[in-house]
């Protein structure tokens, strides 16, 4: 995202691989992020909240939403504006189309955003559309390795960041003046 904003903006990336909405709090990472007193917090969880993740797992209908509300309430209490970003899809294809288990988490985040009047960037929807357009082979260089369908190469990470940046002017219009002008994509 640093390539998206002007030099007047400082990006502090406090994301940590393998963390869920619950473990990020449990490990004290959320408290540290709040203590830095940023103006905005982009909040994205879902991948490690999915079933099979042990004590990191949350239920999109209950505990996931509870944690998201905690993030929102505590950010606001610290005078920080929260922005929710739904989890991007993994690059898993079935019959030529994306197959995802993350839509329930994206839907839960959208629901919480509406309830709490928080901007939501639906990266899940945008990433599904992009990967369906490109297909498996057309997006293969977005992956960190041939067997990794979750993590991104530099090219993939930049493309996912671009998807988020496209939504900022509409979703968080007060940030528009801080965005760099888009540069044409190179073929």
N, C-alpha and C. Protein backbone atom coordinates (compact mmCIF):
# COMPACT_ATOMS: atom_id res chain seq x y z
N UNK A 1 0.81 -1.19 0.00
CA UNK A 1 0.00 0.00 0.00
C UNK A 1 0.86 1.26 0.00
N UNK A 2 2.10 1.16 0.39
CA UNK A 2 2.96 2.34 0.46
C UNK A 2 3.09 3.01 -0.91
N UNK A 3 3.05 2.24 -2.00
CA UNK A 3 3.15 2.82 -3.34
C UNK A 3 1.86 3.51 -3.75
N UNK A 4 0.82 3.40 -2.96
CA UNK A 4 -0.49 3.94 -3.27
C UNK A 4 -0.66 5.37 -2.78
N UNK A 5 -0.02 5.69 -1.67
CA UNK A 5 -0.21 6.98 -1.02
C UNK A 5 0.95 7.93 -1.29
N UNK A 6 0.67 9.22 -1.16
CA UNK A 6 1.70 10.24 -1.34
C UNK A 6 2.70 10.17 -0.18
N UNK A 7 3.76 10.95 -0.29
CA UNK A 7 4.79 10.96 0.75
C UNK A 7 4.31 11.61 2.05
N UNK A 8 3.12 12.22 2.04
CA UNK A 8 2.56 12.82 3.26
C UNK A 8 1.97 11.77 4.20
N UNK A 9 1.94 10.52 3.76
CA UNK A 9 1.32 9.44 4.52
C UNK A 9 2.39 8.46 4.98
N UNK A 10 2.31 8.07 6.23
CA UNK A 10 3.19 7.03 6.76
C UNK A 10 2.37 5.76 6.93
N UNK A 11 2.85 4.68 6.34
CA UNK A 11 2.18 3.38 6.45
C UNK A 11 2.91 2.56 7.50
N UNK A 12 2.17 2.07 8.47
CA UNK A 12 2.71 1.17 9.49
C UNK A 12 2.01 -0.17 9.31
N UNK A 13 2.69 -1.14 8.78
CA UNK A 13 2.09 -2.45 8.55
C UNK A 13 2.35 -3.32 9.77
N UNK A 14 1.32 -3.57 10.54
CA UNK A 14 1.44 -4.38 11.75
C UNK A 14 0.82 -5.76 11.59
N UNK A 15 0.50 -6.12 10.36
CA UNK A 15 -0.03 -7.45 10.10
C UNK A 15 1.03 -8.48 10.45
N UNK A 16 0.59 -9.65 10.86
CA UNK A 16 1.50 -10.73 11.20
C UNK A 16 0.96 -12.03 10.60
N UNK A 17 1.79 -12.71 9.88
CA UNK A 17 1.40 -13.94 9.22
C UNK A 17 0.84 -14.95 10.23
N UNK A 18 -0.22 -15.62 9.81
CA UNK A 18 -0.78 -16.70 10.62
C UNK A 18 -1.68 -16.25 11.76
N UNK A 19 -1.99 -14.97 11.84
CA UNK A 19 -2.82 -14.49 12.95
C UNK A 19 -4.28 -14.41 12.53
N UNK A 20 -5.14 -14.66 13.48
CA UNK A 20 -6.58 -14.54 13.27
C UNK A 20 -7.08 -13.35 14.06
N UNK A 21 -8.37 -13.08 13.93
CA UNK A 21 -8.95 -11.96 14.68
C UNK A 21 -8.81 -12.18 16.18
N UNK A 22 -8.78 -13.41 16.62
CA UNK A 22 -8.62 -13.68 18.06
C UNK A 22 -7.15 -13.70 18.49
N UNK A 23 -6.29 -14.35 17.73
CA UNK A 23 -4.89 -14.48 18.17
C UNK A 23 -4.15 -13.14 18.11
N UNK A 24 -4.53 -12.26 17.21
CA UNK A 24 -3.89 -10.94 17.12
C UNK A 24 -4.12 -10.16 18.41
N UNK A 25 -5.29 -10.30 18.98
CA UNK A 25 -5.59 -9.65 20.27
C UNK A 25 -4.88 -10.39 21.39
N UNK A 26 -5.03 -11.71 21.41
CA UNK A 26 -4.45 -12.53 22.49
C UNK A 26 -2.95 -12.31 22.64
N UNK A 27 -2.25 -12.13 21.54
CA UNK A 27 -0.79 -11.95 21.56
C UNK A 27 -0.36 -10.53 21.90
N UNK A 28 -1.31 -9.62 22.09
CA UNK A 28 -0.98 -8.25 22.44
C UNK A 28 -0.64 -7.36 21.25
N UNK A 29 -0.77 -7.88 20.05
CA UNK A 29 -0.43 -7.11 18.85
C UNK A 29 -1.42 -5.96 18.62
N UNK A 30 -2.69 -6.20 18.93
CA UNK A 30 -3.70 -5.17 18.74
C UNK A 30 -3.44 -4.00 19.69
N UNK A 31 -3.13 -4.30 20.92
CA UNK A 31 -2.85 -3.25 21.90
C UNK A 31 -1.69 -2.38 21.43
N UNK A 32 -0.64 -3.00 20.90
CA UNK A 32 0.52 -2.24 20.40
C UNK A 32 0.13 -1.37 19.21
N UNK A 33 -0.71 -1.89 18.32
CA UNK A 33 -1.15 -1.10 17.16
C UNK A 33 -1.94 0.13 17.62
N UNK A 34 -2.79 -0.04 18.60
CA UNK A 34 -3.56 1.09 19.13
C UNK A 34 -2.66 2.13 19.78
N UNK A 35 -1.64 1.67 20.47
CA UNK A 35 -0.74 2.59 21.18
C UNK A 35 0.03 3.49 20.21
N UNK A 36 0.16 3.09 18.96
CA UNK A 36 0.85 3.93 17.97
C UNK A 36 0.00 5.12 17.53
N UNK A 37 -1.28 5.11 17.87
CA UNK A 37 -2.20 6.22 17.59
C UNK A 37 -2.25 6.64 16.12
N UNK A 38 -2.46 5.69 15.21
CA UNK A 38 -2.59 6.09 13.81
C UNK A 38 -3.92 6.83 13.60
N UNK A 39 -4.04 7.52 12.48
CA UNK A 39 -5.31 8.17 12.15
C UNK A 39 -6.33 7.16 11.66
N UNK A 40 -5.86 6.16 10.90
CA UNK A 40 -6.72 5.13 10.31
C UNK A 40 -6.11 3.76 10.58
N UNK A 41 -6.99 2.77 10.70
CA UNK A 41 -6.56 1.37 10.81
C UNK A 41 -7.33 0.54 9.79
N UNK A 42 -6.60 -0.08 8.88
CA UNK A 42 -7.21 -1.02 7.95
C UNK A 42 -7.19 -2.39 8.63
N UNK A 43 -8.36 -2.97 8.84
CA UNK A 43 -8.50 -4.21 9.60
C UNK A 43 -8.94 -5.32 8.66
N UNK A 44 -8.12 -6.36 8.58
CA UNK A 44 -8.44 -7.49 7.69
C UNK A 44 -8.08 -8.80 8.37
N UNK A 45 -9.06 -9.64 8.55
CA UNK A 45 -8.86 -10.99 9.07
C UNK A 45 -9.80 -11.93 8.33
N UNK A 46 -9.56 -13.21 8.45
CA UNK A 46 -10.43 -14.21 7.85
C UNK A 46 -9.72 -15.50 7.52
N UNK A 47 -8.56 -15.41 6.88
CA UNK A 47 -7.85 -16.62 6.45
C UNK A 47 -7.54 -17.56 7.62
N UNK A 48 -7.04 -17.00 8.69
CA UNK A 48 -6.65 -17.84 9.83
C UNK A 48 -7.76 -17.98 10.87
N UNK A 49 -8.94 -17.46 10.53
CA UNK A 49 -10.12 -17.65 11.36
C UNK A 49 -10.90 -18.88 10.90
N UNK A 50 -10.55 -19.42 9.74
CA UNK A 50 -11.28 -20.53 9.11
C UNK A 50 -11.19 -21.81 9.94
N UNK A 51 -12.15 -22.71 9.73
CA UNK A 51 -12.10 -24.01 10.41
C UNK A 51 -10.78 -24.74 10.15
N UNK A 52 -10.32 -25.44 11.17
CA UNK A 52 -9.08 -26.19 11.07
C UNK A 52 -7.86 -25.43 11.56
N UNK A 53 -8.04 -24.25 12.10
CA UNK A 53 -6.92 -23.43 12.55
C UNK A 53 -6.73 -23.48 14.07
N UNK A 54 -7.31 -24.47 14.70
CA UNK A 54 -7.09 -24.65 16.14
C UNK A 54 -7.64 -23.50 16.96
N UNK A 55 -6.83 -23.01 17.91
CA UNK A 55 -7.30 -21.96 18.80
C UNK A 55 -7.41 -20.60 18.11
N UNK A 56 -7.02 -20.53 16.85
CA UNK A 56 -7.18 -19.28 16.08
C UNK A 56 -8.54 -19.21 15.40
N UNK A 57 -9.22 -20.34 15.28
CA UNK A 57 -10.48 -20.44 14.55
C UNK A 57 -11.59 -19.62 15.21
N UNK A 58 -12.38 -18.93 14.37
CA UNK A 58 -13.57 -18.24 14.86
C UNK A 58 -14.74 -18.60 13.95
N UNK A 59 -15.93 -18.37 14.43
CA UNK A 59 -17.15 -18.66 13.68
C UNK A 59 -17.63 -17.35 13.05
N UNK A 60 -17.83 -17.32 11.72
CA UNK A 60 -18.23 -16.07 11.09
C UNK A 60 -19.58 -15.53 11.58
N UNK A 61 -20.43 -16.40 12.10
CA UNK A 61 -21.74 -15.96 12.58
C UNK A 61 -21.70 -15.42 14.01
N UNK A 62 -20.62 -15.71 14.74
CA UNK A 62 -20.60 -15.31 16.15
C UNK A 62 -19.27 -14.67 16.55
N UNK A 63 -18.29 -15.48 16.89
CA UNK A 63 -17.04 -14.96 17.47
C UNK A 63 -16.27 -14.05 16.53
N UNK A 64 -16.26 -14.33 15.24
CA UNK A 64 -15.58 -13.45 14.28
C UNK A 64 -16.17 -12.05 14.34
N UNK A 65 -17.48 -11.97 14.34
CA UNK A 65 -18.16 -10.68 14.41
C UNK A 65 -17.89 -9.99 15.75
N UNK A 66 -17.85 -10.75 16.81
CA UNK A 66 -17.56 -10.17 18.13
C UNK A 66 -16.17 -9.54 18.15
N UNK A 67 -15.20 -10.24 17.60
CA UNK A 67 -13.84 -9.68 17.56
C UNK A 67 -13.78 -8.44 16.67
N UNK A 68 -14.44 -8.47 15.52
CA UNK A 68 -14.44 -7.29 14.66
C UNK A 68 -15.05 -6.08 15.38
N UNK A 69 -16.12 -6.31 16.11
CA UNK A 69 -16.74 -5.21 16.87
C UNK A 69 -15.80 -4.70 17.95
N UNK A 70 -15.03 -5.59 18.56
CA UNK A 70 -14.04 -5.15 19.55
C UNK A 70 -12.99 -4.26 18.90
N UNK A 71 -12.50 -4.66 17.72
CA UNK A 71 -11.52 -3.84 17.00
C UNK A 71 -12.10 -2.44 16.72
N UNK A 72 -13.31 -2.41 16.22
CA UNK A 72 -13.95 -1.15 15.88
C UNK A 72 -14.13 -0.27 17.11
N UNK A 73 -14.70 -0.84 18.16
CA UNK A 73 -14.98 -0.07 19.38
C UNK A 73 -13.70 0.47 20.01
N UNK A 74 -12.67 -0.37 20.08
CA UNK A 74 -11.42 0.06 20.71
C UNK A 74 -10.68 1.07 19.85
N UNK A 75 -10.76 0.94 18.52
CA UNK A 75 -10.14 1.93 17.65
C UNK A 75 -10.83 3.28 17.83
N UNK A 76 -12.14 3.27 17.81
CA UNK A 76 -12.88 4.52 17.97
C UNK A 76 -12.63 5.15 19.34
N UNK A 77 -12.54 4.33 20.36
CA UNK A 77 -12.27 4.85 21.72
C UNK A 77 -10.91 5.54 21.77
N UNK A 78 -9.99 5.12 20.89
CA UNK A 78 -8.66 5.73 20.82
C UNK A 78 -8.59 6.84 19.77
N UNK A 79 -9.75 7.27 19.26
CA UNK A 79 -9.81 8.32 18.23
C UNK A 79 -9.16 7.92 16.92
N UNK A 80 -9.27 6.65 16.58
CA UNK A 80 -8.71 6.10 15.34
C UNK A 80 -9.88 5.65 14.47
N UNK A 81 -9.81 5.95 13.18
CA UNK A 81 -10.88 5.56 12.28
C UNK A 81 -10.62 4.16 11.72
N UNK A 82 -11.51 3.19 12.02
CA UNK A 82 -11.33 1.84 11.48
C UNK A 82 -11.89 1.73 10.06
N UNK A 83 -11.22 0.94 9.25
CA UNK A 83 -11.67 0.60 7.91
C UNK A 83 -11.54 -0.91 7.79
N UNK A 84 -12.63 -1.57 7.45
CA UNK A 84 -12.61 -3.02 7.31
C UNK A 84 -12.29 -3.41 5.86
N UNK A 85 -11.47 -4.44 5.71
CA UNK A 85 -11.12 -4.98 4.39
C UNK A 85 -11.39 -6.48 4.44
N UNK A 86 -12.34 -6.93 3.63
CA UNK A 86 -12.68 -8.35 3.64
C UNK A 86 -11.48 -9.18 3.16
N UNK A 87 -11.41 -10.43 3.59
CA UNK A 87 -10.26 -11.27 3.19
C UNK A 87 -10.29 -11.58 1.69
N UNK A 88 -9.14 -11.42 1.03
CA UNK A 88 -9.06 -11.79 -0.38
C UNK A 88 -9.19 -13.31 -0.49
N UNK A 89 -9.61 -13.75 -1.63
CA UNK A 89 -9.76 -15.19 -1.83
C UNK A 89 -8.40 -15.84 -2.01
N UNK A 90 -8.35 -17.12 -1.73
CA UNK A 90 -7.17 -17.91 -2.09
C UNK A 90 -7.29 -18.25 -3.57
N UNK A 91 -6.19 -18.55 -4.20
CA UNK A 91 -6.19 -18.93 -5.62
C UNK A 91 -6.47 -20.42 -5.76
N UNK A 92 -7.69 -20.80 -5.45
CA UNK A 92 -8.11 -22.21 -5.60
C UNK A 92 -9.23 -22.25 -6.63
N UNK A 93 -9.02 -23.03 -7.66
CA UNK A 93 -9.97 -23.09 -8.76
C UNK A 93 -10.64 -24.45 -8.81
N UNK A 94 -11.91 -24.43 -9.19
CA UNK A 94 -12.66 -25.66 -9.42
C UNK A 94 -13.50 -25.42 -10.68
N UNK A 95 -13.33 -26.28 -11.66
CA UNK A 95 -14.02 -26.13 -12.95
C UNK A 95 -13.78 -24.74 -13.56
N UNK A 96 -12.56 -24.24 -13.42
CA UNK A 96 -12.17 -22.98 -14.03
C UNK A 96 -12.59 -21.72 -13.28
N UNK A 97 -13.24 -21.88 -12.14
CA UNK A 97 -13.70 -20.73 -11.36
C UNK A 97 -13.14 -20.83 -9.93
N UNK A 98 -13.04 -19.66 -9.29
CA UNK A 98 -12.56 -19.64 -7.91
C UNK A 98 -13.51 -20.42 -7.02
N UNK A 99 -12.94 -21.22 -6.17
CA UNK A 99 -13.67 -21.94 -5.12
C UNK A 99 -13.18 -21.35 -3.80
N UNK A 100 -14.11 -20.84 -2.98
CA UNK A 100 -13.70 -20.15 -1.76
C UNK A 100 -14.50 -20.59 -0.56
N UNK A 101 -13.83 -20.63 0.58
CA UNK A 101 -14.52 -20.85 1.85
C UNK A 101 -14.56 -19.55 2.67
N UNK A 102 -14.06 -18.46 2.08
CA UNK A 102 -13.94 -17.20 2.82
C UNK A 102 -15.13 -16.27 2.68
N UNK A 103 -16.08 -16.58 1.79
CA UNK A 103 -17.24 -15.69 1.62
C UNK A 103 -18.02 -15.48 2.93
N UNK A 104 -18.22 -16.51 3.77
CA UNK A 104 -18.93 -16.26 5.03
C UNK A 104 -18.22 -15.23 5.92
N UNK A 105 -16.90 -15.21 5.88
CA UNK A 105 -16.14 -14.23 6.67
C UNK A 105 -16.28 -12.83 6.05
N UNK A 106 -16.24 -12.77 4.72
CA UNK A 106 -16.43 -11.49 4.04
C UNK A 106 -17.84 -10.95 4.32
N UNK A 107 -18.84 -11.82 4.22
CA UNK A 107 -20.22 -11.39 4.49
C UNK A 107 -20.39 -10.93 5.93
N UNK A 108 -19.76 -11.64 6.87
CA UNK A 108 -19.84 -11.25 8.28
C UNK A 108 -19.21 -9.88 8.49
N UNK A 109 -18.10 -9.63 7.82
CA UNK A 109 -17.43 -8.34 7.96
C UNK A 109 -18.29 -7.22 7.37
N UNK A 110 -18.90 -7.47 6.23
CA UNK A 110 -19.79 -6.48 5.62
C UNK A 110 -20.96 -6.18 6.56
N UNK A 111 -21.51 -7.21 7.17
CA UNK A 111 -22.62 -7.05 8.11
C UNK A 111 -22.20 -6.18 9.30
N UNK A 112 -21.05 -6.47 9.88
CA UNK A 112 -20.55 -5.69 11.01
C UNK A 112 -20.29 -4.25 10.58
N UNK A 113 -19.73 -4.07 9.41
CA UNK A 113 -19.48 -2.72 8.90
C UNK A 113 -20.75 -1.90 8.82
N UNK A 114 -21.82 -2.52 8.32
CA UNK A 114 -23.11 -1.82 8.22
C UNK A 114 -23.65 -1.51 9.61
N UNK A 115 -23.59 -2.50 10.50
CA UNK A 115 -24.11 -2.30 11.86
C UNK A 115 -23.37 -1.20 12.60
N UNK A 116 -22.06 -1.14 12.41
CA UNK A 116 -21.23 -0.20 13.16
C UNK A 116 -20.90 1.08 12.36
N UNK A 117 -21.47 1.19 11.15
CA UNK A 117 -21.22 2.34 10.28
C UNK A 117 -19.73 2.56 10.05
N UNK A 118 -19.08 1.50 9.60
CA UNK A 118 -17.65 1.51 9.31
C UNK A 118 -17.46 1.23 7.83
N UNK A 119 -16.57 1.97 7.15
CA UNK A 119 -16.31 1.68 5.74
C UNK A 119 -15.76 0.26 5.56
N UNK A 120 -16.24 -0.40 4.51
CA UNK A 120 -15.79 -1.76 4.20
C UNK A 120 -15.35 -1.81 2.74
N UNK A 121 -14.14 -2.27 2.52
CA UNK A 121 -13.64 -2.55 1.17
C UNK A 121 -13.80 -4.04 0.95
N UNK A 122 -14.62 -4.42 -0.03
CA UNK A 122 -14.88 -5.84 -0.27
C UNK A 122 -13.81 -6.42 -1.20
N UNK A 123 -12.65 -6.65 -0.62
CA UNK A 123 -11.53 -7.22 -1.36
C UNK A 123 -11.83 -8.65 -1.79
N UNK A 124 -12.63 -9.35 -1.02
CA UNK A 124 -12.97 -10.72 -1.40
C UNK A 124 -13.67 -10.72 -2.76
N UNK A 125 -14.68 -9.90 -2.90
CA UNK A 125 -15.43 -9.82 -4.16
C UNK A 125 -14.51 -9.41 -5.31
N UNK A 126 -13.67 -8.40 -5.09
CA UNK A 126 -12.78 -7.92 -6.15
C UNK A 126 -11.73 -8.97 -6.52
N UNK A 127 -11.21 -9.70 -5.53
CA UNK A 127 -10.19 -10.71 -5.83
C UNK A 127 -10.80 -11.91 -6.55
N UNK A 128 -12.01 -12.30 -6.17
CA UNK A 128 -12.68 -13.39 -6.87
C UNK A 128 -12.88 -13.00 -8.34
N UNK A 129 -13.37 -11.78 -8.58
CA UNK A 129 -13.60 -11.33 -9.95
C UNK A 129 -12.29 -11.30 -10.75
N UNK A 130 -11.22 -10.80 -10.14
CA UNK A 130 -9.93 -10.74 -10.83
C UNK A 130 -9.43 -12.13 -11.18
N UNK A 131 -9.45 -13.05 -10.22
CA UNK A 131 -8.93 -14.39 -10.47
C UNK A 131 -9.81 -15.16 -11.45
N UNK A 132 -11.12 -14.94 -11.39
CA UNK A 132 -11.99 -15.59 -12.38
C UNK A 132 -11.70 -15.05 -13.78
N UNK A 133 -11.39 -13.78 -13.88
CA UNK A 133 -11.05 -13.17 -15.17
C UNK A 133 -9.73 -13.71 -15.70
N UNK A 134 -8.71 -13.79 -14.84
CA UNK A 134 -7.38 -14.23 -15.26
C UNK A 134 -7.27 -15.75 -15.39
N UNK A 135 -8.03 -16.46 -14.59
CA UNK A 135 -7.93 -17.91 -14.56
C UNK A 135 -6.73 -18.39 -13.77
N UNK A 136 -6.62 -19.69 -13.62
CA UNK A 136 -5.55 -20.29 -12.84
C UNK A 136 -4.18 -19.99 -13.45
N UNK A 137 -4.02 -20.30 -14.72
CA UNK A 137 -2.70 -20.09 -15.34
C UNK A 137 -2.39 -18.60 -15.49
N UNK A 138 -3.41 -17.78 -15.76
CA UNK A 138 -3.19 -16.34 -15.92
C UNK A 138 -2.83 -15.62 -14.64
N UNK A 139 -3.12 -16.24 -13.50
CA UNK A 139 -2.79 -15.62 -12.21
C UNK A 139 -1.71 -16.40 -11.47
N UNK A 140 -1.12 -17.40 -12.12
CA UNK A 140 -0.16 -18.27 -11.43
C UNK A 140 1.07 -17.51 -10.93
N UNK A 141 1.46 -16.44 -11.62
CA UNK A 141 2.64 -15.70 -11.16
C UNK A 141 2.30 -14.76 -9.99
N UNK A 142 1.07 -14.77 -9.53
CA UNK A 142 0.69 -14.01 -8.34
C UNK A 142 1.04 -14.77 -7.07
N UNK A 143 1.29 -16.07 -7.17
CA UNK A 143 1.56 -16.90 -5.99
C UNK A 143 3.03 -16.89 -5.61
N UNK A 144 3.27 -17.08 -4.32
CA UNK A 144 4.65 -17.11 -3.81
C UNK A 144 5.41 -18.33 -4.34
N UNK A 145 4.68 -19.43 -4.58
CA UNK A 145 5.28 -20.64 -5.14
C UNK A 145 4.19 -21.43 -5.84
N UNK A 146 4.56 -22.44 -6.60
CA UNK A 146 3.56 -23.24 -7.31
C UNK A 146 2.56 -23.91 -6.39
N UNK A 147 2.99 -24.30 -5.20
CA UNK A 147 2.09 -25.02 -4.29
C UNK A 147 1.35 -24.09 -3.32
N UNK A 148 1.71 -22.83 -3.29
CA UNK A 148 1.12 -21.87 -2.34
C UNK A 148 -0.02 -21.11 -3.01
N UNK A 149 -1.24 -21.35 -2.58
CA UNK A 149 -2.41 -20.70 -3.16
C UNK A 149 -2.95 -19.58 -2.27
N UNK A 150 -2.23 -19.25 -1.22
CA UNK A 150 -2.68 -18.23 -0.27
C UNK A 150 -1.80 -17.00 -0.29
N UNK A 151 -0.49 -17.19 -0.25
CA UNK A 151 0.45 -16.06 -0.16
C UNK A 151 0.85 -15.58 -1.54
N UNK A 152 1.26 -14.32 -1.62
CA UNK A 152 1.51 -13.71 -2.91
C UNK A 152 2.98 -13.44 -3.18
N UNK A 153 3.32 -13.48 -4.46
CA UNK A 153 4.61 -12.98 -4.95
C UNK A 153 4.52 -11.45 -4.88
N UNK A 154 5.61 -10.79 -5.16
CA UNK A 154 5.58 -9.32 -5.18
C UNK A 154 4.54 -8.82 -6.19
N UNK A 155 4.52 -9.43 -7.37
CA UNK A 155 3.55 -9.04 -8.40
C UNK A 155 2.12 -9.22 -7.89
N UNK A 156 1.85 -10.35 -7.26
CA UNK A 156 0.51 -10.61 -6.73
C UNK A 156 0.14 -9.64 -5.62
N UNK A 157 1.09 -9.37 -4.74
CA UNK A 157 0.83 -8.44 -3.62
C UNK A 157 0.52 -7.04 -4.16
N UNK A 158 1.26 -6.61 -5.16
CA UNK A 158 1.01 -5.28 -5.74
C UNK A 158 -0.37 -5.22 -6.41
N UNK A 159 -0.75 -6.30 -7.04
CA UNK A 159 -2.07 -6.33 -7.70
C UNK A 159 -3.19 -6.32 -6.66
N UNK A 160 -3.03 -7.05 -5.57
CA UNK A 160 -4.04 -7.03 -4.50
C UNK A 160 -4.10 -5.65 -3.86
N UNK A 161 -2.96 -5.03 -3.64
CA UNK A 161 -2.94 -3.66 -3.08
C UNK A 161 -3.64 -2.69 -4.03
N UNK A 162 -3.46 -2.89 -5.33
CA UNK A 162 -4.13 -2.04 -6.31
C UNK A 162 -5.65 -2.17 -6.19
N UNK A 163 -6.14 -3.39 -5.97
CA UNK A 163 -7.58 -3.60 -5.81
C UNK A 163 -8.11 -2.81 -4.61
N UNK A 164 -7.36 -2.81 -3.52
CA UNK A 164 -7.77 -2.04 -2.34
C UNK A 164 -7.74 -0.55 -2.66
N UNK A 165 -6.66 -0.11 -3.27
CA UNK A 165 -6.51 1.32 -3.58
C UNK A 165 -7.63 1.82 -4.48
N UNK A 166 -8.08 1.00 -5.41
CA UNK A 166 -9.18 1.40 -6.30
C UNK A 166 -10.45 1.76 -5.52
N UNK A 167 -10.64 1.12 -4.39
CA UNK A 167 -11.86 1.31 -3.61
C UNK A 167 -11.76 2.45 -2.60
N UNK A 168 -10.57 2.91 -2.30
CA UNK A 168 -10.41 3.94 -1.28
C UNK A 168 -11.16 5.24 -1.62
N UNK A 169 -11.08 5.77 -2.84
CA UNK A 169 -11.77 7.03 -3.11
C UNK A 169 -13.29 6.97 -2.88
N UNK A 170 -13.87 5.81 -3.12
CA UNK A 170 -15.32 5.65 -2.94
C UNK A 170 -15.66 5.32 -1.49
N UNK A 171 -14.90 4.42 -0.90
CA UNK A 171 -15.20 3.92 0.44
C UNK A 171 -14.75 4.87 1.54
N UNK A 172 -13.60 5.49 1.36
CA UNK A 172 -13.04 6.42 2.35
C UNK A 172 -12.64 7.71 1.61
N UNK A 173 -13.63 8.48 1.15
CA UNK A 173 -13.33 9.62 0.28
C UNK A 173 -12.39 10.66 0.89
N UNK A 174 -12.35 10.76 2.21
CA UNK A 174 -11.44 11.75 2.82
C UNK A 174 -9.97 11.39 2.62
N UNK A 175 -9.68 10.16 2.20
CA UNK A 175 -8.29 9.76 1.91
C UNK A 175 -7.90 10.03 0.45
N UNK A 176 -8.86 10.38 -0.39
CA UNK A 176 -8.58 10.61 -1.81
C UNK A 176 -7.42 11.58 -2.04
N UNK A 177 -7.34 12.72 -1.32
CA UNK A 177 -6.23 13.65 -1.59
C UNK A 177 -4.85 13.08 -1.29
N UNK A 178 -4.79 11.99 -0.53
CA UNK A 178 -3.50 11.40 -0.16
C UNK A 178 -3.08 10.26 -1.07
N UNK A 179 -3.91 9.95 -2.06
CA UNK A 179 -3.59 8.88 -3.01
C UNK A 179 -2.75 9.42 -4.16
N UNK A 180 -1.77 8.65 -4.57
CA UNK A 180 -1.01 8.99 -5.77
C UNK A 180 -1.92 8.81 -6.97
N UNK A 181 -1.65 9.56 -8.00
CA UNK A 181 -2.41 9.38 -9.22
C UNK A 181 -2.07 8.01 -9.79
N UNK A 182 -3.07 7.28 -10.25
CA UNK A 182 -2.78 5.94 -10.78
C UNK A 182 -1.89 6.03 -12.02
N UNK A 183 -0.98 5.08 -12.08
CA UNK A 183 -0.14 4.98 -13.26
C UNK A 183 -0.69 3.86 -14.14
N UNK A 184 -0.64 4.02 -15.44
CA UNK A 184 -1.18 2.98 -16.31
C UNK A 184 -0.47 1.65 -16.07
N UNK A 185 -1.25 0.58 -16.12
CA UNK A 185 -0.67 -0.76 -15.96
C UNK A 185 0.19 -1.10 -17.16
N UNK A 186 1.32 -1.73 -16.88
CA UNK A 186 2.22 -2.18 -17.95
C UNK A 186 1.80 -3.58 -18.37
N UNK A 187 1.78 -3.81 -19.66
CA UNK A 187 1.41 -5.14 -20.15
C UNK A 187 2.58 -6.07 -20.13
